C-alpha atoms as a PDB file:
ATOM      1  CA  MET A   1      85.946   8.204  64.146  1.00  0.00           C
ATOM      2  CA  THR A   2      88.192   7.304  61.114  1.00  0.00           C
ATOM      3  CA  SER A   3      89.163   3.691  62.366  1.00  0.00           C
ATOM      4  CA  CYS A   4      85.050   3.151  63.307  1.00  0.00           C
ATOM      5  CA  LEU A   5      84.699   4.268  59.414  1.00  0.00           C
ATOM      6  CA  PHE A   6      87.079   2.021  58.353  1.00  0.00           C
ATOM      7  CA  PHE A   7      85.910  -0.873  60.478  1.00  0.00           C
ATOM      8  CA  THR A   8      82.696  -0.240  59.118  1.00  0.00           C
ATOM      9  CA  ARG A   9      83.747  -0.604  55.431  1.00  0.00           C
ATOM     10  CA  THR A  10      86.107  -3.306  55.955  1.00  0.00           C
ATOM     11  CA  LYS A  11      83.186  -5.291  57.534  1.00  0.00           C
ATOM     12  CA  ARG A  12      80.884  -4.677  54.637  1.00  0.00           C
ATOM     13  CA  THR A  13      83.589  -5.464  52.207  1.00  0.00           C
ATOM     14  CA  SER A  14      83.760  -8.981  53.948  1.00  0.00           C
ATOM     15  CA  HIS A  15      80.023  -9.280  53.835  1.00  0.00           C
ATOM     16  CA  GLN A  16      79.796  -8.598  50.224  1.00  0.00           C
ATOM     17  CA  LYS A  17      83.253 -11.008  49.566  1.00  0.00           C
ATOM     18  CA  SER A  18      81.009 -13.550  51.795  1.00  0.00           C
ATOM     19  CA  GLN A  19      77.872 -13.291  49.568  1.00  0.00           C
ATOM     20  CA  LEU A  20      79.705 -13.466  46.109  1.00  0.00           C
ATOM     21  CA  SER A  21      81.725 -16.348  47.275  1.00  0.00           C
ATOM     22  CA  HIS A  22      78.369 -18.126  48.623  1.00  0.00           C
ATOM     23  CA  LEU A  23      77.122 -17.469  44.628  1.00  0.00           C
ATOM     24  CA  SER A  24      79.973 -18.868  43.379  1.00  0.00           C
ATOM     25  CA  LEU A  25      79.729 -22.451  45.527  1.00  0.00           C
ATOM     26  CA  ARG A  26      76.367 -22.253  44.520  1.00  0.00           C
ATOM     27  CA  VAL A  27      76.858 -21.931  40.741  1.00  0.00           C
ATOM     28  CA  LYS A  28      79.608 -25.322  40.950  1.00  0.00           C
ATOM     29  CA  ARG A  29      77.472 -27.051  43.178  1.00  0.00           C
ATOM     30  CA  VAL A  30      74.746 -26.634  40.668  1.00  0.00           C
ATOM     31  CA  THR A  31      77.092 -27.359  37.656  1.00  0.00           C
ATOM     32  CA  TRP A  32      78.155 -30.535  39.115  1.00  0.00           C
ATOM     33  CA  VAL A  33      74.698 -31.813  40.173  1.00  0.00           C
ATOM     34  CA  ARG A  34      73.612 -31.217  36.529  1.00  0.00           C
ATOM     35  CA  LYS A  35      76.607 -33.154  35.177  1.00  0.00           C
ATOM     36  CA  ILE A  36      75.772 -36.320  37.651  1.00  0.00           C
ATOM     37  CA  THR A  37      72.036 -36.128  36.609  1.00  0.00           C
ATOM     38  CA  THR A  38      72.605 -35.872  33.123  1.00  0.00           C
ATOM     39  CA  VAL A  39      75.042 -38.754  32.989  1.00  0.00           C
ATOM     40  CA  SER A  40      72.435 -40.782  35.354  1.00  0.00           C
ATOM     41  CA  ALA A  41      69.482 -39.856  33.224  1.00  0.00           C
ATOM     42  CA  THR A  42      71.532 -40.753  30.061  1.00  0.00           C
ATOM     43  CA  ILE A  43      72.156 -44.177  31.223  1.00  0.00           C
ATOM     44  CA  THR A  44      68.400 -44.898  32.441  1.00  0.00           C
ATOM     45  CA  PHE A  45      67.209 -43.654  29.249  1.00  0.00           C
ATOM     46  CA  LEU A  46      69.436 -46.073  27.190  1.00  0.00           C
ATOM     47  CA  MET A  47      68.483 -48.770  29.350  1.00  0.00           C
ATOM     48  CA  THR A  48      64.877 -48.335  28.827  1.00  0.00           C
ATOM     49  CA  LEU A  49      65.147 -47.908  25.352  1.00  0.00           C
ATOM     50  CA  ALA A  50      66.951 -51.039  25.152  1.00  0.00           C
ATOM     51  CA  PHE A  51      64.053 -52.543  26.726  1.00  0.00           C
ATOM     52  CA  LEU A  52      61.325 -51.072  24.868  1.00  0.00           C
ATOM     53  CA  LEU A  53      63.155 -52.272  21.637  1.00  0.00           C
ATOM     54  CA  LEU A  54      62.959 -56.023  22.560  1.00  0.00           C
ATOM     55  CA  SER A  55      59.537 -55.781  23.957  1.00  0.00           C
ATOM     56  CA  VAL A  56      57.229 -53.239  22.168  1.00  0.00           C
ATOM     57  CA  ASP A  57      56.348 -52.759  19.135  1.00  0.00           C
ATOM     58  CA  GLY A  58      57.302 -50.039  16.279  1.00  0.00           C
ATOM     59  CA  ARG A  59      54.891 -47.625  17.391  1.00  0.00           C
ATOM     60  CA  ILE A  60      56.075 -47.094  20.727  1.00  0.00           C
ATOM     61  CA  ILE A  61      59.681 -47.976  19.532  1.00  0.00           C
ATOM     62  CA  ASN A  62      59.464 -44.652  16.865  1.00  0.00           C
ATOM     63  CA  LEU A  63      58.160 -42.898  19.740  1.00  0.00           C
ATOM     64  CA  VAL A  64      61.593 -43.229  21.716  1.00  0.00           C
ATOM     65  CA  ILE A  65      63.635 -42.462  18.615  1.00  0.00           C
ATOM     66  CA  LEU A  66      61.678 -39.589  18.469  1.00  0.00           C
ATOM     67  CA  VAL A  67      62.203 -38.411  22.254  1.00  0.00           C
ATOM     68  CA  PHE A  68      65.952 -40.061  21.864  1.00  0.00           C
ATOM     69  CA  LYS A  69      66.236 -37.100  19.095  1.00  0.00           C
ATOM     70  CA  SER A  70      64.879 -34.312  21.060  1.00  0.00           C
ATOM     71  CA  LEU A  71      66.790 -35.259  24.077  1.00  0.00           C
ATOM     72  CA  THR A  72      70.196 -35.201  21.892  1.00  0.00           C
ATOM     73  CA  PHE A  73      69.058 -31.916  20.450  1.00  0.00           C
ATOM     74  CA  PHE A  74      68.584 -30.076  23.899  1.00  0.00           C
ATOM     75  CA  THR A  75      71.649 -31.267  25.070  1.00  0.00           C
ATOM     76  CA  GLU A  76      73.352 -29.491  22.031  1.00  0.00           C
ATOM     77  CA  ILE A  77      72.029 -26.311  23.522  1.00  0.00           C
ATOM     78  CA  ASP A  78      74.883 -24.407  25.109  1.00  0.00           C
ATOM     79  CA  ASN A  79      73.720 -24.377  28.805  1.00  0.00           C
ATOM     80  CA  GLU A  80      76.636 -22.411  30.261  1.00  0.00           C
ATOM     81  CA  GLY A  81      75.610 -19.893  33.217  1.00  0.00           C
ATOM     82  CA  VAL A  82      72.044 -21.643  34.212  1.00  0.00           C
ATOM     83  CA  ILE A  83      71.135 -22.547  37.445  1.00  0.00           C
ATOM     84  CA  GLU A  84      69.000 -24.727  39.256  1.00  0.00           C
ATOM     85  CA  PRO A  85      65.515 -22.565  40.136  1.00  0.00           C
ATOM     86  CA  ASP A  86      65.276 -21.100  43.376  1.00  0.00           C
ATOM     87  CA  SER A  87      61.842 -22.893  45.220  1.00  0.00           C
ATOM     88  CA  GLU A  88      61.421 -20.519  48.590  1.00  0.00           C
ATOM     89  CA  GLU A  89      58.042 -19.197  49.528  1.00  0.00           C
ATOM     90  CA  PRO A  90      56.827 -16.314  47.419  1.00  0.00           C
ATOM     91  CA  GLN A  91      57.835 -12.658  48.518  1.00  0.00           C
ATOM     92  CA  GLU A  92      55.571  -9.943  50.024  1.00  0.00           C
ATOM     93  CA  MET A  93      53.781  -8.542  47.607  1.00  0.00           C
ATOM     94  CA  GLY A  94      51.509  -5.775  49.652  1.00  0.00           C
ATOM     95  CA  ASP A  95      47.386  -5.526  49.861  1.00  0.00           C
ATOM     96  CA  GLU A  96      46.809  -3.966  46.102  1.00  0.00           C
ATOM     97  CA  ASN A  97      43.260  -2.769  47.717  1.00  0.00           C
ATOM     98  CA  VAL A  98      44.854  -0.813  50.171  1.00  0.00           C
ATOM     99  CA  GLU A  99      44.060   2.967  50.178  1.00  0.00           C
ATOM    100  CA  VAL A 100      47.591   4.778  49.759  1.00  0.00           C
ATOM    101  CA  THR A 101      47.770   8.087  51.448  1.00  0.00           C
ATOM    102  CA  GLU A 102      50.330  10.665  50.745  1.00  0.00           C
ATOM    103  CA  GLU A 103      52.292  10.065  53.837  1.00  0.00           C
ATOM    104  CA  MET A 104      52.143   6.490  52.970  1.00  0.00           C
ATOM    105  CA  MET A 105      53.498   7.615  49.443  1.00  0.00           C
ATOM    106  CA  ASP A 106      56.598   9.888  51.213  1.00  0.00           C
ATOM    107  CA  GLN A 107      57.656   6.936  53.370  1.00  0.00           C
ATOM    108  CA  ALA A 108      57.615   4.280  50.586  1.00  0.00           C
ATOM    109  CA  ASN A 109      59.804   6.944  48.691  1.00  0.00           C
ATOM    110  CA  GLU A 110      62.181   6.955  51.733  1.00  0.00           C
ATOM    111  CA  LYS A 111      62.705   3.212  51.742  1.00  0.00           C
ATOM    112  CA  LYS A 112      63.004   2.933  48.049  1.00  0.00           C
ATOM    113  CA  MET A 113      65.996   5.729  48.561  1.00  0.00           C
ATOM    114  CA  GLU A 114      67.365   3.726  51.686  1.00  0.00           C
ATOM    115  CA  ALA A 115      67.021   0.470  49.495  1.00  0.00           C
ATOM    116  CA  ILE A 116      68.881   1.734  46.442  1.00  0.00           C
ATOM    117  CA  ASN A 117      71.671   3.046  48.892  1.00  0.00           C
ATOM    118  CA  ALA A 118      72.041  -0.507  50.296  1.00  0.00           C
ATOM    119  CA  LEU A 119      71.963  -1.796  46.601  1.00  0.00           C
ATOM    120  CA  GLY A 120      74.843   0.372  46.397  1.00  0.00           C
ATOM    121  CA  GLU A 121      76.789  -0.711  49.219  1.00  0.00           C
ATOM    122  CA  GLY A 122      76.282  -4.477  48.023  1.00  0.00           C
ATOM    123  CA  GLU A 123      73.805  -5.103  50.921  1.00  0.00           C
ATOM    124  CA  LEU A 124      71.522  -7.135  49.119  1.00  0.00           C
ATOM    125  CA  GLN A 125      69.525  -8.723  51.310  1.00  0.00           C
ATOM    126  CA  GLN A 126      69.153  -5.339  53.278  1.00  0.00           C
ATOM    127  CA  ALA A 127      68.306  -3.957  49.723  1.00  0.00           C
ATOM    128  CA  ILE A 128      65.266  -6.401  49.267  1.00  0.00           C
ATOM    129  CA  ASP A 129      63.869  -5.747  52.797  1.00  0.00           C
ATOM    130  CA  LEU A 130      63.786  -2.100  52.230  1.00  0.00           C
ATOM    131  CA  PHE A 131      62.177  -2.498  48.797  1.00  0.00           C
ATOM    132  CA  THR A 132      59.742  -4.745  50.648  1.00  0.00           C
ATOM    133  CA  ALA A 133      58.716  -2.401  53.100  1.00  0.00           C
ATOM    134  CA  ALA A 134      58.239   0.117  50.183  1.00  0.00           C
ATOM    135  CA  ILE A 135      55.705  -2.401  48.407  1.00  0.00           C
ATOM    136  CA  LYS A 136      53.641  -2.538  51.601  1.00  0.00           C
ATOM    137  CA  LEU A 137      53.607   1.080  52.157  1.00  0.00           C
ATOM    138  CA  ASN A 138      52.756   1.851  48.303  1.00  0.00           C
ATOM    139  CA  PRO A 139      52.107  -1.559  46.498  1.00  0.00           C
ATOM    140  CA  ARG A 140      50.791   0.022  43.081  1.00  0.00           C
ATOM    141  CA  LEU A 141      53.891   1.389  42.064  1.00  0.00           C
ATOM    142  CA  ALA A 142      55.448  -0.719  39.571  1.00  0.00           C
ATOM    143  CA  ILE A 143      59.126   0.698  39.580  1.00  0.00           C
ATOM    144  CA  LEU A 144      59.328  -0.733  43.384  1.00  0.00           C
ATOM    145  CA  TYR A 145      58.986  -4.539  42.094  1.00  0.00           C
ATOM    146  CA  ALA A 146      61.342  -4.008  38.765  1.00  0.00           C
ATOM    147  CA  LYS A 147      64.073  -2.561  41.517  1.00  0.00           C
ATOM    148  CA  ARG A 148      63.250  -5.558  43.918  1.00  0.00           C
ATOM    149  CA  ALA A 149      63.382  -7.887  40.756  1.00  0.00           C
ATOM    150  CA  SER A 150      66.952  -6.256  39.981  1.00  0.00           C
ATOM    151  CA  VAL A 151      68.032  -7.508  43.277  1.00  0.00           C
ATOM    152  CA  PHE A 152      67.037 -10.818  43.261  1.00  0.00           C
ATOM    153  CA  VAL A 153      68.591 -11.288  39.936  1.00  0.00           C
ATOM    154  CA  LYS A 154      71.713 -10.426  41.525  1.00  0.00           C
ATOM    155  CA  LEU A 155      70.926 -13.242  44.481  1.00  0.00           C
ATOM    156  CA  GLN A 156      70.332 -15.520  41.610  1.00  0.00           C
ATOM    157  CA  LYS A 157      66.698 -16.109  42.710  1.00  0.00           C
ATOM    158  CA  PRO A 158      65.438 -16.071  38.924  1.00  0.00           C
ATOM    159  CA  ASN A 159      61.840 -17.324  40.101  1.00  0.00           C
ATOM    160  CA  ALA A 160      61.197 -14.392  42.516  1.00  0.00           C
ATOM    161  CA  ALA A 161      62.261 -12.063  40.253  1.00  0.00           C
ATOM    162  CA  ILE A 162      60.303 -13.123  37.262  1.00  0.00           C
ATOM    163  CA  ARG A 163      56.831 -13.020  40.185  1.00  0.00           C
ATOM    164  CA  ASP A 164      58.139  -9.367  40.774  1.00  0.00           C
ATOM    165  CA  CYS A 165      58.394  -8.349  36.969  1.00  0.00           C
ATOM    166  CA  ASP A 166      54.621  -9.979  36.239  1.00  0.00           C
ATOM    167  CA  ARG A 167      53.385  -7.821  38.939  1.00  0.00           C
ATOM    168  CA  ALA A 168      55.282  -4.873  37.702  1.00  0.00           C
ATOM    169  CA  ILE A 169      53.970  -6.132  34.136  1.00  0.00           C
ATOM    170  CA  THR A 170      50.304  -5.909  35.359  1.00  0.00           C
ATOM    171  CA  ILE A 171      50.664  -1.953  36.859  1.00  0.00           C
ATOM    172  CA  ASN A 172      52.729  -0.835  34.033  1.00  0.00           C
ATOM    173  CA  PRO A 173      52.653  -3.145  30.993  1.00  0.00           C
ATOM    174  CA  ASP A 174      55.169  -0.043  29.463  1.00  0.00           C
ATOM    175  CA  SER A 175      58.117  -0.206  31.325  1.00  0.00           C
ATOM    176  CA  ALA A 176      61.607  -1.493  29.519  1.00  0.00           C
ATOM    177  CA  GLN A 177      63.211  -1.771  32.986  1.00  0.00           C
ATOM    178  CA  THR A 178      60.944  -4.753  33.897  1.00  0.00           C
ATOM    179  CA  TYR A 179      61.174  -6.464  30.619  1.00  0.00           C
ATOM    180  CA  LYS A 180      64.893  -5.786  31.126  1.00  0.00           C
ATOM    181  CA  TRP A 181      65.186  -7.948  34.427  1.00  0.00           C
ATOM    182  CA  ARG A 182      62.439 -10.838  33.390  1.00  0.00           C
ATOM    183  CA  GLY A 183      64.535 -11.305  30.325  1.00  0.00           C
ATOM    184  CA  LYS A 184      67.768 -12.016  32.592  1.00  0.00           C
ATOM    185  CA  ALA A 185      65.586 -14.035  35.113  1.00  0.00           C
ATOM    186  CA  HIS A 186      64.714 -16.675  32.186  1.00  0.00           C
ATOM    187  CA  ARG A 187      67.995 -16.644  31.287  1.00  0.00           C
ATOM    188  CA  LEU A 188      69.370 -17.597  34.331  1.00  0.00           C
ATOM    189  CA  LEU A 189      66.532 -20.514  34.006  1.00  0.00           C
ATOM    190  CA  GLY A 190      67.498 -21.688  30.355  1.00  0.00           C
ATOM    191  CA  HIS A 191      64.297 -20.073  29.318  1.00  0.00           C
ATOM    192  CA  TRP A 192      66.126 -18.916  26.139  1.00  0.00           C
ATOM    193  CA  GLU A 193      62.704 -18.175  23.907  1.00  0.00           C
ATOM    194  CA  GLU A 194      61.017 -16.108  26.690  1.00  0.00           C
ATOM    195  CA  ALA A 195      64.293 -14.355  27.701  1.00  0.00           C
ATOM    196  CA  ALA A 196      64.529 -13.322  23.940  1.00  0.00           C
ATOM    197  CA  HIS A 197      61.263 -12.093  23.752  1.00  0.00           C
ATOM    198  CA  ASP A 198      61.815 -10.116  27.320  1.00  0.00           C
ATOM    199  CA  LEU A 199      65.283  -8.508  26.125  1.00  0.00           C
ATOM    200  CA  ALA A 200      63.937  -7.980  22.671  1.00  0.00           C
ATOM    201  CA  LEU A 201      60.887  -6.254  23.870  1.00  0.00           C
ATOM    202  CA  ALA A 202      62.603  -3.982  26.444  1.00  0.00           C
ATOM    203  CA  CYS A 203      65.248  -2.743  23.806  1.00  0.00           C
ATOM    204  CA  LYS A 204      62.114  -1.811  21.551  1.00  0.00           C
ATOM    205  CA  LEU A 205      60.962   0.142  24.189  1.00  0.00           C
ATOM    206  CA  ASP A 206      63.669   1.933  25.561  1.00  0.00           C
ATOM    207  CA  TYR A 207      67.190   0.765  23.964  1.00  0.00           C
ATOM    208  CA  ASP A 208      69.626  -0.742  26.561  1.00  0.00           C
ATOM    209  CA  GLU A 209      73.146  -1.991  25.916  1.00  0.00           C
ATOM    210  CA  GLU A 210      73.409  -4.231  28.231  1.00  0.00           C
ATOM    211  CA  ALA A 211      69.961  -5.849  27.080  1.00  0.00           C
ATOM    212  CA  SER A 212      71.195  -5.615  23.921  1.00  0.00           C
ATOM    213  CA  ALA A 213      74.324  -7.406  24.716  1.00  0.00           C
ATOM    214  CA  MET A 214      72.596 -10.139  26.626  1.00  0.00           C
ATOM    215  CA  LEU A 215      69.718 -10.374  23.660  1.00  0.00           C
ATOM    216  CA  LYS A 216      72.632 -11.392  21.453  1.00  0.00           C
ATOM    217  CA  GLU A 217      73.629 -14.091  23.512  1.00  0.00           C
ATOM    218  CA  VAL A 218      70.414 -15.604  23.787  1.00  0.00           C
ATOM    219  CA  GLN A 219      68.875 -15.184  20.654  1.00  0.00           C
ATOM    220  CA  PRO A 220      70.624 -17.996  18.656  1.00  0.00           C
ATOM    221  CA  ARG A 221      69.800 -20.604  21.117  1.00  0.00           C
ATOM    222  CA  ALA A 222      65.999 -19.270  21.139  1.00  0.00           C
ATOM    223  CA  GLN A 223      66.281 -19.543  17.262  1.00  0.00           C
ATOM    224  CA  LYS A 224      67.443 -22.764  17.443  1.00  0.00           C
ATOM    225  CA  ILE A 225      64.705 -23.966  19.419  1.00  0.00           C
ATOM    226  CA  ALA A 226      61.841 -22.462  17.532  1.00  0.00           C
ATOM    227  CA  GLU A 227      63.723 -24.013  14.226  1.00  0.00           C
ATOM    228  CA  HIS A 228      63.512 -27.429  16.130  1.00  0.00           C
ATOM    229  CA  ARG A 229      59.725 -27.037  17.142  1.00  0.00           C
ATOM    230  CA  ARG A 230      58.802 -25.933  13.297  1.00  0.00           C
ATOM    231  CA  LYS A 231      61.011 -28.985  12.237  1.00  0.00           C
ATOM    232  CA  TYR A 232      58.722 -31.640  14.171  1.00  0.00           C
ATOM    233  CA  GLU A 233      55.626 -29.437  13.705  1.00  0.00           C
ATOM    234  CA  ARG A 234      55.985 -29.958   9.906  1.00  0.00           C
ATOM    235  CA  LYS A 235      56.829 -33.653  10.552  1.00  0.00           C
ATOM    236  CA  ARG A 236      53.505 -34.284  12.227  1.00  0.00           C
ATOM    237  CA  GLU A 237      51.489 -32.400   9.838  1.00  0.00           C
ATOM    238  CA  GLU A 238      52.488 -34.173   6.957  1.00  0.00           C
ATOM    239  CA  LYS A 239      51.936 -37.434   8.709  1.00  0.00           C
ATOM    240  CA  GLU A 240      48.630 -36.651   9.813  1.00  0.00           C
ATOM    241  CA  ILE A 241      48.126 -36.032   6.022  1.00  0.00           C
ATOM    242  CA  LYS A 242      49.766 -39.105   4.991  1.00  0.00           C
ATOM    243  CA  GLU A 243      47.269 -41.048   7.700  1.00  0.00           C
ATOM    244  CA  ARG A 244      44.189 -39.075   6.180  1.00  0.00           C
ATOM    245  CA  MET A 245      45.016 -40.401   2.767  1.00  0.00           C
ATOM    246  CA  GLU A 246      45.650 -43.821   3.825  1.00  0.00           C
ATOM    247  CA  ARG A 247      42.291 -44.123   5.303  1.00  0.00           C
ATOM    248  CA  VAL A 248      40.669 -42.458   2.437  1.00  0.00           C
ATOM    249  CA  LYS A 249      42.456 -44.834   0.369  1.00  0.00           C
ATOM    250  CA  LYS A 250      41.644 -47.824   2.542  1.00  0.00           C
ATOM    251  CA  ALA A 251      37.667 -46.672   2.369  1.00  0.00           C
ATOM    252  CA  ARG A 252      37.762 -46.522  -1.150  1.00  0.00           C
ATOM    253  CA  GLU A 253      39.239 -49.763  -1.746  1.00  0.00           C
ATOM    254  CA  GLU A 254      36.557 -51.423   0.769  1.00  0.00           C
ATOM    255  CA  HIS A 255      33.998 -49.802  -1.439  1.00  0.00           C
ATOM    256  CA  GLU A 256      35.323 -51.085  -4.692  1.00  0.00           C
ATOM    257  CA  ARG A 257      35.284 -54.457  -2.913  1.00  0.00           C
ATOM    258  CA  ALA A 258      31.957 -54.471  -1.822  1.00  0.00           C
ATOM    259  CA  GLN A 259      30.900 -53.205  -5.135  1.00  0.00           C
ATOM    260  CA  ARG A 260      32.747 -56.075  -6.744  1.00  0.00           C
ATOM    261  CA  GLU A 261      31.171 -58.475  -4.614  1.00  0.00           C
ATOM    262  CA  GLU A 262      27.701 -56.943  -4.983  1.00  0.00           C
ATOM    263  CA  GLU A 263      28.110 -57.503  -9.104  1.00  0.00           C
ATOM    264  CA  ALA A 264      29.030 -60.962  -8.598  1.00  0.00           C
ATOM    265  CA  ARG A 265      26.192 -61.776  -6.253  1.00  0.00           C
ATOM    266  CA  ARG A 266      23.824 -60.004  -9.086  1.00  0.00           C
ATOM    267  CA  GLN A 267      25.344 -62.133 -12.057  1.00  0.00           C
ATOM    268  CA  ALA A 268      25.279 -65.183  -9.646  1.00  0.00           C
ATOM    269  CA  GLY A 269      21.261 -64.572  -9.162  1.00  0.00           C
ATOM    270  CA  GLY A 270      21.190 -63.616 -12.314  1.00  0.00           C
ATOM    271  CA  ALA A 271      22.374 -66.939 -14.098  1.00  0.00           C
ATOM    272  CA  GLN A 272      20.256 -69.013 -11.723  1.00  0.00           C
ATOM    273  CA  PHE A 273      16.845 -67.727 -13.031  1.00  0.00           C
ATOM    274  CA  GLY A 274      18.745 -67.952 -16.454  1.00  0.00           C
ATOM    275  CA  GLY A 275      18.001 -71.417 -17.108  1.00  0.00           C
ATOM    276  CA  PHE A 276      14.020 -71.754 -16.045  1.00  0.00           C
ATOM    277  CA  PRO A 277      11.821 -71.428 -19.263  1.00  0.00           C
ATOM    278  CA  GLY A 278      10.225 -68.132 -19.625  1.00  0.00           C
ATOM    279  CA  GLY A 279      11.868 -66.868 -16.567  1.00  0.00           C
ATOM    280  CA  PHE A 280      14.256 -63.781 -16.770  1.00  0.00           C
ATOM    281  CA  PRO A 281      16.146 -64.468 -20.087  1.00  0.00           C
ATOM    282  CA  GLY A 282      19.923 -62.781 -19.783  1.00  0.00           C
ATOM    283  CA  GLY A 283      20.150 -62.275 -16.136  1.00  0.00           C
ATOM    284  CA  MET A 284      18.822 -58.766 -16.063  1.00  0.00           C
ATOM    285  CA  PRO A 285      21.621 -57.098 -17.302  1.00  0.00           C
ATOM    286  CA  GLY A 286      22.413 -53.348 -16.657  1.00  0.00           C
ATOM    287  CA  GLY A 287      21.791 -52.836 -13.325  1.00  0.00           C
ATOM    288  CA  MET A 288      18.623 -54.406 -13.206  1.00  0.00           C
ATOM    289  CA  PRO A 289      16.181 -52.317 -15.863  1.00  0.00           C
ATOM    290  CA  GLY A 290      13.142 -54.766 -16.154  1.00  0.00           C
ATOM    291  CA  MET A 291      12.470 -54.070 -12.167  1.00  0.00           C
ATOM    292  CA  ALA A 292      10.488 -50.758 -11.784  1.00  0.00           C
ATOM    293  CA  GLY A 293      11.432 -48.374  -9.664  1.00  0.00           C
ATOM    294  CA  MET A 294      14.790 -49.861  -9.291  1.00  0.00           C
ATOM    295  CA  PRO A 295      17.621 -47.505 -10.761  1.00  0.00           C
ATOM    296  CA  GLY A 296      20.839 -49.172 -12.222  1.00  0.00           C
ATOM    297  CA  LEU A 297      24.135 -49.631 -10.380  1.00  0.00           C
ATOM    298  CA  ASN A 298      25.522 -47.417 -13.044  1.00  0.00           C
ATOM    299  CA  GLU A 299      23.230 -44.902 -12.705  1.00  0.00           C
ATOM    300  CA  ILE A 300      23.466 -44.770  -8.710  1.00  0.00           C
ATOM    301  CA  LEU A 301      27.457 -44.198  -8.959  1.00  0.00           C
ATOM    302  CA  SER A 302      27.004 -41.447 -12.009  1.00  0.00           C
ATOM    303  CA  ASP A 303      25.485 -39.180  -9.225  1.00  0.00           C
ATOM    304  CA  PRO A 304      28.912 -37.179  -8.607  1.00  0.00           C
ATOM    305  CA  GLU A 305      27.447 -36.387  -4.929  1.00  0.00           C
ATOM    306  CA  VAL A 306      26.846 -40.004  -4.348  1.00  0.00           C
ATOM    307  CA  LEU A 307      30.073 -40.986  -5.615  1.00  0.00           C
ATOM    308  CA  ALA A 308      31.558 -38.172  -2.902  1.00  0.00           C
ATOM    309  CA  ALA A 309      30.064 -39.264  -0.274  1.00  0.00           C
ATOM    310  CA  MET A 310      30.499 -43.238  -0.733  1.00  0.00           C
ATOM    311  CA  GLN A 311      34.575 -42.183  -0.818  1.00  0.00           C
ATOM    312  CA  ASP A 312      34.036 -40.224   2.602  1.00  0.00           C
ATOM    313  CA  PRO A 313      35.732 -42.505   5.242  1.00  0.00           C
ATOM    314  CA  GLU A 314      32.966 -41.679   7.806  1.00  0.00           C
ATOM    315  CA  VAL A 315      30.097 -42.400   5.904  1.00  0.00           C
ATOM    316  CA  MET A 316      31.452 -45.159   4.594  1.00  0.00           C
ATOM    317  CA  VAL A 317      32.211 -46.736   8.153  1.00  0.00           C
ATOM    318  CA  ALA A 318      28.621 -45.872   9.027  1.00  0.00           C
ATOM    319  CA  PHE A 319      27.283 -47.469   5.755  1.00  0.00           C
ATOM    320  CA  GLN A 320      29.680 -50.947   6.999  1.00  0.00           C
ATOM    321  CA  ASP A 321      28.049 -50.725  10.363  1.00  0.00           C
ATOM    322  CA  VAL A 322      24.434 -50.227   9.418  1.00  0.00           C
ATOM    323  CA  ALA A 323      24.866 -53.162   6.787  1.00  0.00           C
ATOM    324  CA  GLN A 324      26.122 -55.360   9.294  1.00  0.00           C
ATOM    325  CA  ASN A 325      23.226 -54.355  11.884  1.00  0.00           C
ATOM    326  CA  PRO A 326      20.630 -52.513  10.224  1.00  0.00           C
ATOM    327  CA  ALA A 327      19.123 -51.606  13.903  1.00  0.00           C
ATOM    328  CA  ASN A 328      22.504 -49.062  14.233  1.00  0.00           C
ATOM    329  CA  MET A 329      20.794 -46.771  11.857  1.00  0.00           C
ATOM    330  CA  SER A 330      19.414 -44.665  14.610  1.00  0.00           C
ATOM    331  CA  LYS A 331      23.051 -44.234  15.624  1.00  0.00           C
ATOM    332  CA  TYR A 332      23.560 -41.925  12.745  1.00  0.00           C
ATOM    333  CA  GLN A 333      20.082 -39.828  12.740  1.00  0.00           C
ATOM    334  CA  ASN A 334      22.086 -37.248  13.768  1.00  0.00           C
ATOM    335  CA  ASN A 335      24.972 -37.178  11.036  1.00  0.00           C
ATOM    336  CA  PRO A 336      24.393 -34.665   8.102  1.00  0.00           C
ATOM    337  CA  LYS A 337      26.550 -36.907   5.899  1.00  0.00           C
ATOM    338  CA  VAL A 338      25.123 -40.164   6.605  1.00  0.00           C
ATOM    339  CA  MET A 339      21.577 -38.850   6.156  1.00  0.00           C
ATOM    340  CA  ASN A 340      21.993 -36.909   3.231  1.00  0.00           C
ATOM    341  CA  LEU A 341      23.412 -39.753   1.488  1.00  0.00           C
ATOM    342  CA  ILE A 342      20.279 -41.842   2.516  1.00  0.00           C
ATOM    343  CA  GLY A 343      18.122 -39.863   1.417  1.00  0.00           C
ATOM    344  CA  LYS A 344      19.483 -39.306  -2.158  1.00  0.00           C
ATOM    345  CA  LEU A 345      19.494 -43.052  -2.287  1.00  0.00           C
ATOM    346  CA  SER A 346      16.225 -43.064  -0.867  1.00  0.00           C
ATOM    347  CA  ALA A 347      14.797 -41.134  -3.284  1.00  0.00           C
ATOM    348  CA  LYS A 348      16.201 -42.792  -6.460  1.00  0.00           C
ATOM    349  CA  PHE A 349      14.637 -45.751  -4.881  1.00  0.00           C
ATOM    350  CA  GLY A 350      11.396 -44.133  -4.629  1.00  0.00           C
ATOM    351  CA  SER A 351      11.282 -44.857  -0.594  1.00  0.00           C
ATOM    352  CA  LYS A 352      11.390 -42.793   2.637  1.00  0.00           C
ATOM    353  CA  PRO A 353      14.542 -43.022   4.710  1.00  0.00           C
END
């Protein structure tokens, strides 16, 4: 009997060592794959960058430089311990609409205890199978998903763990253990911000030294990424403001140029009529005050609402469009800014828009 127990324990210990060896090899293999992939991707990127610098305009070059800076930043993040994501088929979740009887609850508890015992002995896959059996018997018990997620984390299957935690949170959103294991799973995937969020919430709901220690590890990386994002958001906002100001400036310059051309045409027309005997001496100075119902240019531009509307790039584009082709007026019938200005000008000239 004693020798049988010794043989069983030895067999289990060997199996545990085999599992740990397999996981260690997987991490090493992933590390080398990451190194090779990073070098290959960097070479490809630099070749593409060189080609673009020789063949495209400045806007695309700026975009490529921005991407290169982002790539450089993310290579500075310490990704030690990050593994390749697991891509297996989603695990069984049970039928959440099933009617759970007291007998099924009791059976689920028995399976849960068996799974915990298997986990204590290092039989990780057996623990997964037993937790799955318990979940199928009682699919609305959040702790079962959280427990199975903890085993998936130990098996280096973070995506499976996240799926279990997501289901557990829909059942019970106040479980600290669920957020702890989901935070650990995100940490394995290098999802630093998500990991920091979940681990902080786990400690807030129920302080845990292990979760707190991991939070201290991931939080600096999460903060660095958040600062990087805020930096480029500020740059993007500043760029948008600058472009908007440039558009307004350009529209104002176009408006002033059009005013100068109109004034030059008006003065040229007045000079032509000034040479006729008895005809329009002085060339209608002051904005054509002699023509009944026709306001002067100064009177129009002294109206602050008209002046403000003419400084609006959208309005100026519309007026230039109509000036080139009056039939295009129909395009702006539903534009209140354009129609309000036309109505105001029409009122000044004594006509209907």
